[in-house]
C-alpha atoms as a PDB file:
ATOM      1  CA  MET A   1      96.759  95.579  81.351  1.00  0.00           C
ATOM      2  CA  GLY A   2      98.843  98.097  79.411  1.00  0.00           C
ATOM      3  CA  VAL A   3     101.663 100.256  80.755  1.00  0.00           C
ATOM      4  CA  GLY A   4      99.337 103.242  80.954  1.00  0.00           C
ATOM      5  CA  ASN A   5      96.980 101.334  83.239  1.00  0.00           C
ATOM      6  CA  TYR A   6      99.836 100.328  85.561  1.00  0.00           C
ATOM      7  CA  ILE A   7     101.017 103.922  85.770  1.00  0.00           C
ATOM      8  CA  GLU A   8      97.504 105.171  86.480  1.00  0.00           C
ATOM      9  CA  GLN A   9      97.077 102.528  89.196  1.00  0.00           C
ATOM     10  CA  GLU A  10     100.389 103.535  90.786  1.00  0.00           C
ATOM     11  CA  ARG A  11      99.426 107.223  90.656  1.00  0.00           C
ATOM     12  CA  LEU A  12      96.150 106.510  92.445  1.00  0.00           C
ATOM     13  CA  LEU A  13      97.914 104.421  95.094  1.00  0.00           C
ATOM     14  CA  LEU A  14     100.427 107.182  95.786  1.00  0.00           C
ATOM     15  CA  PHE A  15      97.574 109.564  96.586  1.00  0.00           C
ATOM     16  CA  GLU A  16      96.274 107.050  99.155  1.00  0.00           C
ATOM     17  CA  ILE A  17      99.361 107.075 101.390  1.00  0.00           C
ATOM     18  CA  LYS A  18      98.887 109.579 104.203  1.00  0.00           C
ATOM     19  CA  SER A  19     101.957 109.532 106.416  1.00  0.00           C
ATOM     20  CA  PRO A  20     104.504 112.065 107.670  1.00  0.00           C
ATOM     21  CA  PHE A  21     107.145 109.514 106.604  1.00  0.00           C
ATOM     22  CA  VAL A  22     106.159 109.515 102.920  1.00  0.00           C
ATOM     23  CA  ALA A  23     106.513 112.542 100.632  1.00  0.00           C
ATOM     24  CA  ARG A  24     103.030 113.765  99.762  1.00  0.00           C
ATOM     25  CA  ILE A  25     101.889 113.868  96.146  1.00  0.00           C
ATOM     26  CA  ILE A  26     100.794 117.390  95.243  1.00  0.00           C
ATOM     27  CA  ARG A  27      99.639 116.880  91.673  1.00  0.00           C
ATOM     28  CA  THR A  28     100.126 114.727  88.612  1.00  0.00           C
ATOM     29  CA  PHE A  29      99.829 115.657  84.955  1.00  0.00           C
ATOM     30  CA  GLN A  30     100.897 114.268  81.642  1.00  0.00           C
ATOM     31  CA  THR A  31     101.930 115.225  78.166  1.00  0.00           C
ATOM     32  CA  TYR A  32     101.778 113.011  75.123  1.00  0.00           C
ATOM     33  CA  GLU A  33     105.109 111.383  76.057  1.00  0.00           C
ATOM     34  CA  TYR A  34     105.545 111.783  79.822  1.00  0.00           C
ATOM     35  CA  ILE A  35     103.765 111.583  83.142  1.00  0.00           C
ATOM     36  CA  TYR A  36     104.851 114.042  85.827  1.00  0.00           C
ATOM     37  CA  ILE A  37     104.366 113.613  89.557  1.00  0.00           C
ATOM     38  CA  ALA A  38     104.867 116.704  91.721  1.00  0.00           C
ATOM     39  CA  GLN A  39     105.747 115.778  95.304  1.00  0.00           C
ATOM     40  CA  GLU A  40     106.173 117.899  98.395  1.00  0.00           C
ATOM     41  CA  PHE A  41     109.556 119.605  98.586  1.00  0.00           C
ATOM     42  CA  CYS A  42     112.200 117.806 100.655  1.00  0.00           C
ATOM     43  CA  PRO A  43     114.972 120.409 101.049  1.00  0.00           C
ATOM     44  CA  CYS A  44     117.695 118.174 102.501  1.00  0.00           C
ATOM     45  CA  GLY A  45     118.277 116.026  99.427  1.00  0.00           C
ATOM     46  CA  GLU A  46     118.480 112.275  99.232  1.00  0.00           C
ATOM     47  CA  PHE A  47     119.616 109.805 101.854  1.00  0.00           C
ATOM     48  CA  SER A  48     122.325 108.583  99.468  1.00  0.00           C
ATOM     49  CA  ASP A  49     123.859 112.089  99.475  1.00  0.00           C
ATOM     50  CA  LEU A  50     124.004 112.031 103.266  1.00  0.00           C
ATOM     51  CA  VAL A  51     125.758 108.666 103.567  1.00  0.00           C
ATOM     52  CA  THR A  52     128.151 108.893 100.628  1.00  0.00           C
ATOM     53  CA  GLY A  53     131.712 109.177 101.902  1.00  0.00           C
ATOM     54  CA  CYS A  54     130.894 109.401 105.608  1.00  0.00           C
ATOM     55  CA  ILE A  55     130.121 107.224 108.595  1.00  0.00           C
ATOM     56  CA  LEU A  56     126.943 108.142 110.454  1.00  0.00           C
ATOM     57  CA  PRO A  57     126.782 107.813 114.238  1.00  0.00           C
ATOM     58  CA  ALA A  58     124.672 104.890 115.480  1.00  0.00           C
ATOM     59  CA  ASP A  59     121.914 107.205 116.766  1.00  0.00           C
ATOM     60  CA  ALA A  60     121.598 108.850 113.338  1.00  0.00           C
ATOM     61  CA  CYS A  61     121.459 105.423 111.648  1.00  0.00           C
ATOM     62  CA  ARG A  62     118.675 104.293 113.976  1.00  0.00           C
ATOM     63  CA  PHE A  63     116.766 107.532 113.343  1.00  0.00           C
ATOM     64  CA  TYR A  64     116.899 107.314 109.541  1.00  0.00           C
ATOM     65  CA  ILE A  65     116.188 103.587 109.392  1.00  0.00           C
ATOM     66  CA  ALA A  66     113.230 103.969 111.774  1.00  0.00           C
ATOM     67  CA  ASN A  67     111.802 106.680 109.512  1.00  0.00           C
ATOM     68  CA  MET A  68     112.211 104.453 106.451  1.00  0.00           C
ATOM     69  CA  VAL A  69     110.531 101.546 108.219  1.00  0.00           C
ATOM     70  CA  LEU A  70     107.594 103.775 109.208  1.00  0.00           C
ATOM     71  CA  GLY A  71     107.261 104.875 105.577  1.00  0.00           C
ATOM     72  CA  LEU A  72     107.207 101.241 104.449  1.00  0.00           C
ATOM     73  CA  LYS A  73     104.652 100.455 107.144  1.00  0.00           C
ATOM     74  CA  ALA A  74     102.382 103.226 105.838  1.00  0.00           C
ATOM     75  CA  ALA A  75     102.612 101.784 102.325  1.00  0.00           C
ATOM     76  CA  HIS A  76     101.993  98.226 103.509  1.00  0.00           C
ATOM     77  CA  GLU A  77      98.927  99.346 105.468  1.00  0.00           C
ATOM     78  CA  GLN A  78      97.498 100.436 102.093  1.00  0.00           C
ATOM     79  CA  MET A  79      98.473  97.040 100.613  1.00  0.00           C
ATOM     80  CA  ILE A  80     101.263  98.659  98.586  1.00  0.00           C
ATOM     81  CA  VAL A  81     104.550  96.818  98.059  1.00  0.00           C
ATOM     82  CA  TYR A  82     107.437  99.252  97.662  1.00  0.00           C
ATOM     83  CA  ARG A  83     109.822  97.656  95.181  1.00  0.00           C
ATOM     84  CA  ASP A  84     112.495 100.336  94.770  1.00  0.00           C
ATOM     85  CA  PHE A  85     113.986 100.480  98.269  1.00  0.00           C
ATOM     86  CA  LYS A  86     117.463 102.038  98.038  1.00  0.00           C
ATOM     87  CA  PRO A  87     119.249 105.092  99.499  1.00  0.00           C
ATOM     88  CA  GLY A  88     118.689 107.204  96.374  1.00  0.00           C
ATOM     89  CA  THR A  89     114.904 106.959  96.590  1.00  0.00           C
ATOM     90  CA  HIS A  90     114.597 108.314 100.135  1.00  0.00           C
ATOM     91  CA  ARG A  91     114.243 112.093 100.482  1.00  0.00           C
ATOM     92  CA  LEU A  92     115.200 114.054 103.582  1.00  0.00           C
ATOM     93  CA  SER A  93     113.208 116.948 104.954  1.00  0.00           C
END
């Protein structure tokens, strides 16, 4: 399977996830060199921006981690393994 097939498979899987804890895919398109994925707007930035240089209260930590776990659960229910789990890949809305 070529790289293009893997990317197409991933694109189709992203459309399958329907959860309030996962940013929705609006549209995808491609040029000769690139593939673009337009996701719903998350105006509060990335989780890594929130935690850089500060200590979050325990209640806030529980809230954000619970949301991340629910997003992972939604992916796993679709038999999707999320392999890029890090603070910079989580958007805040």
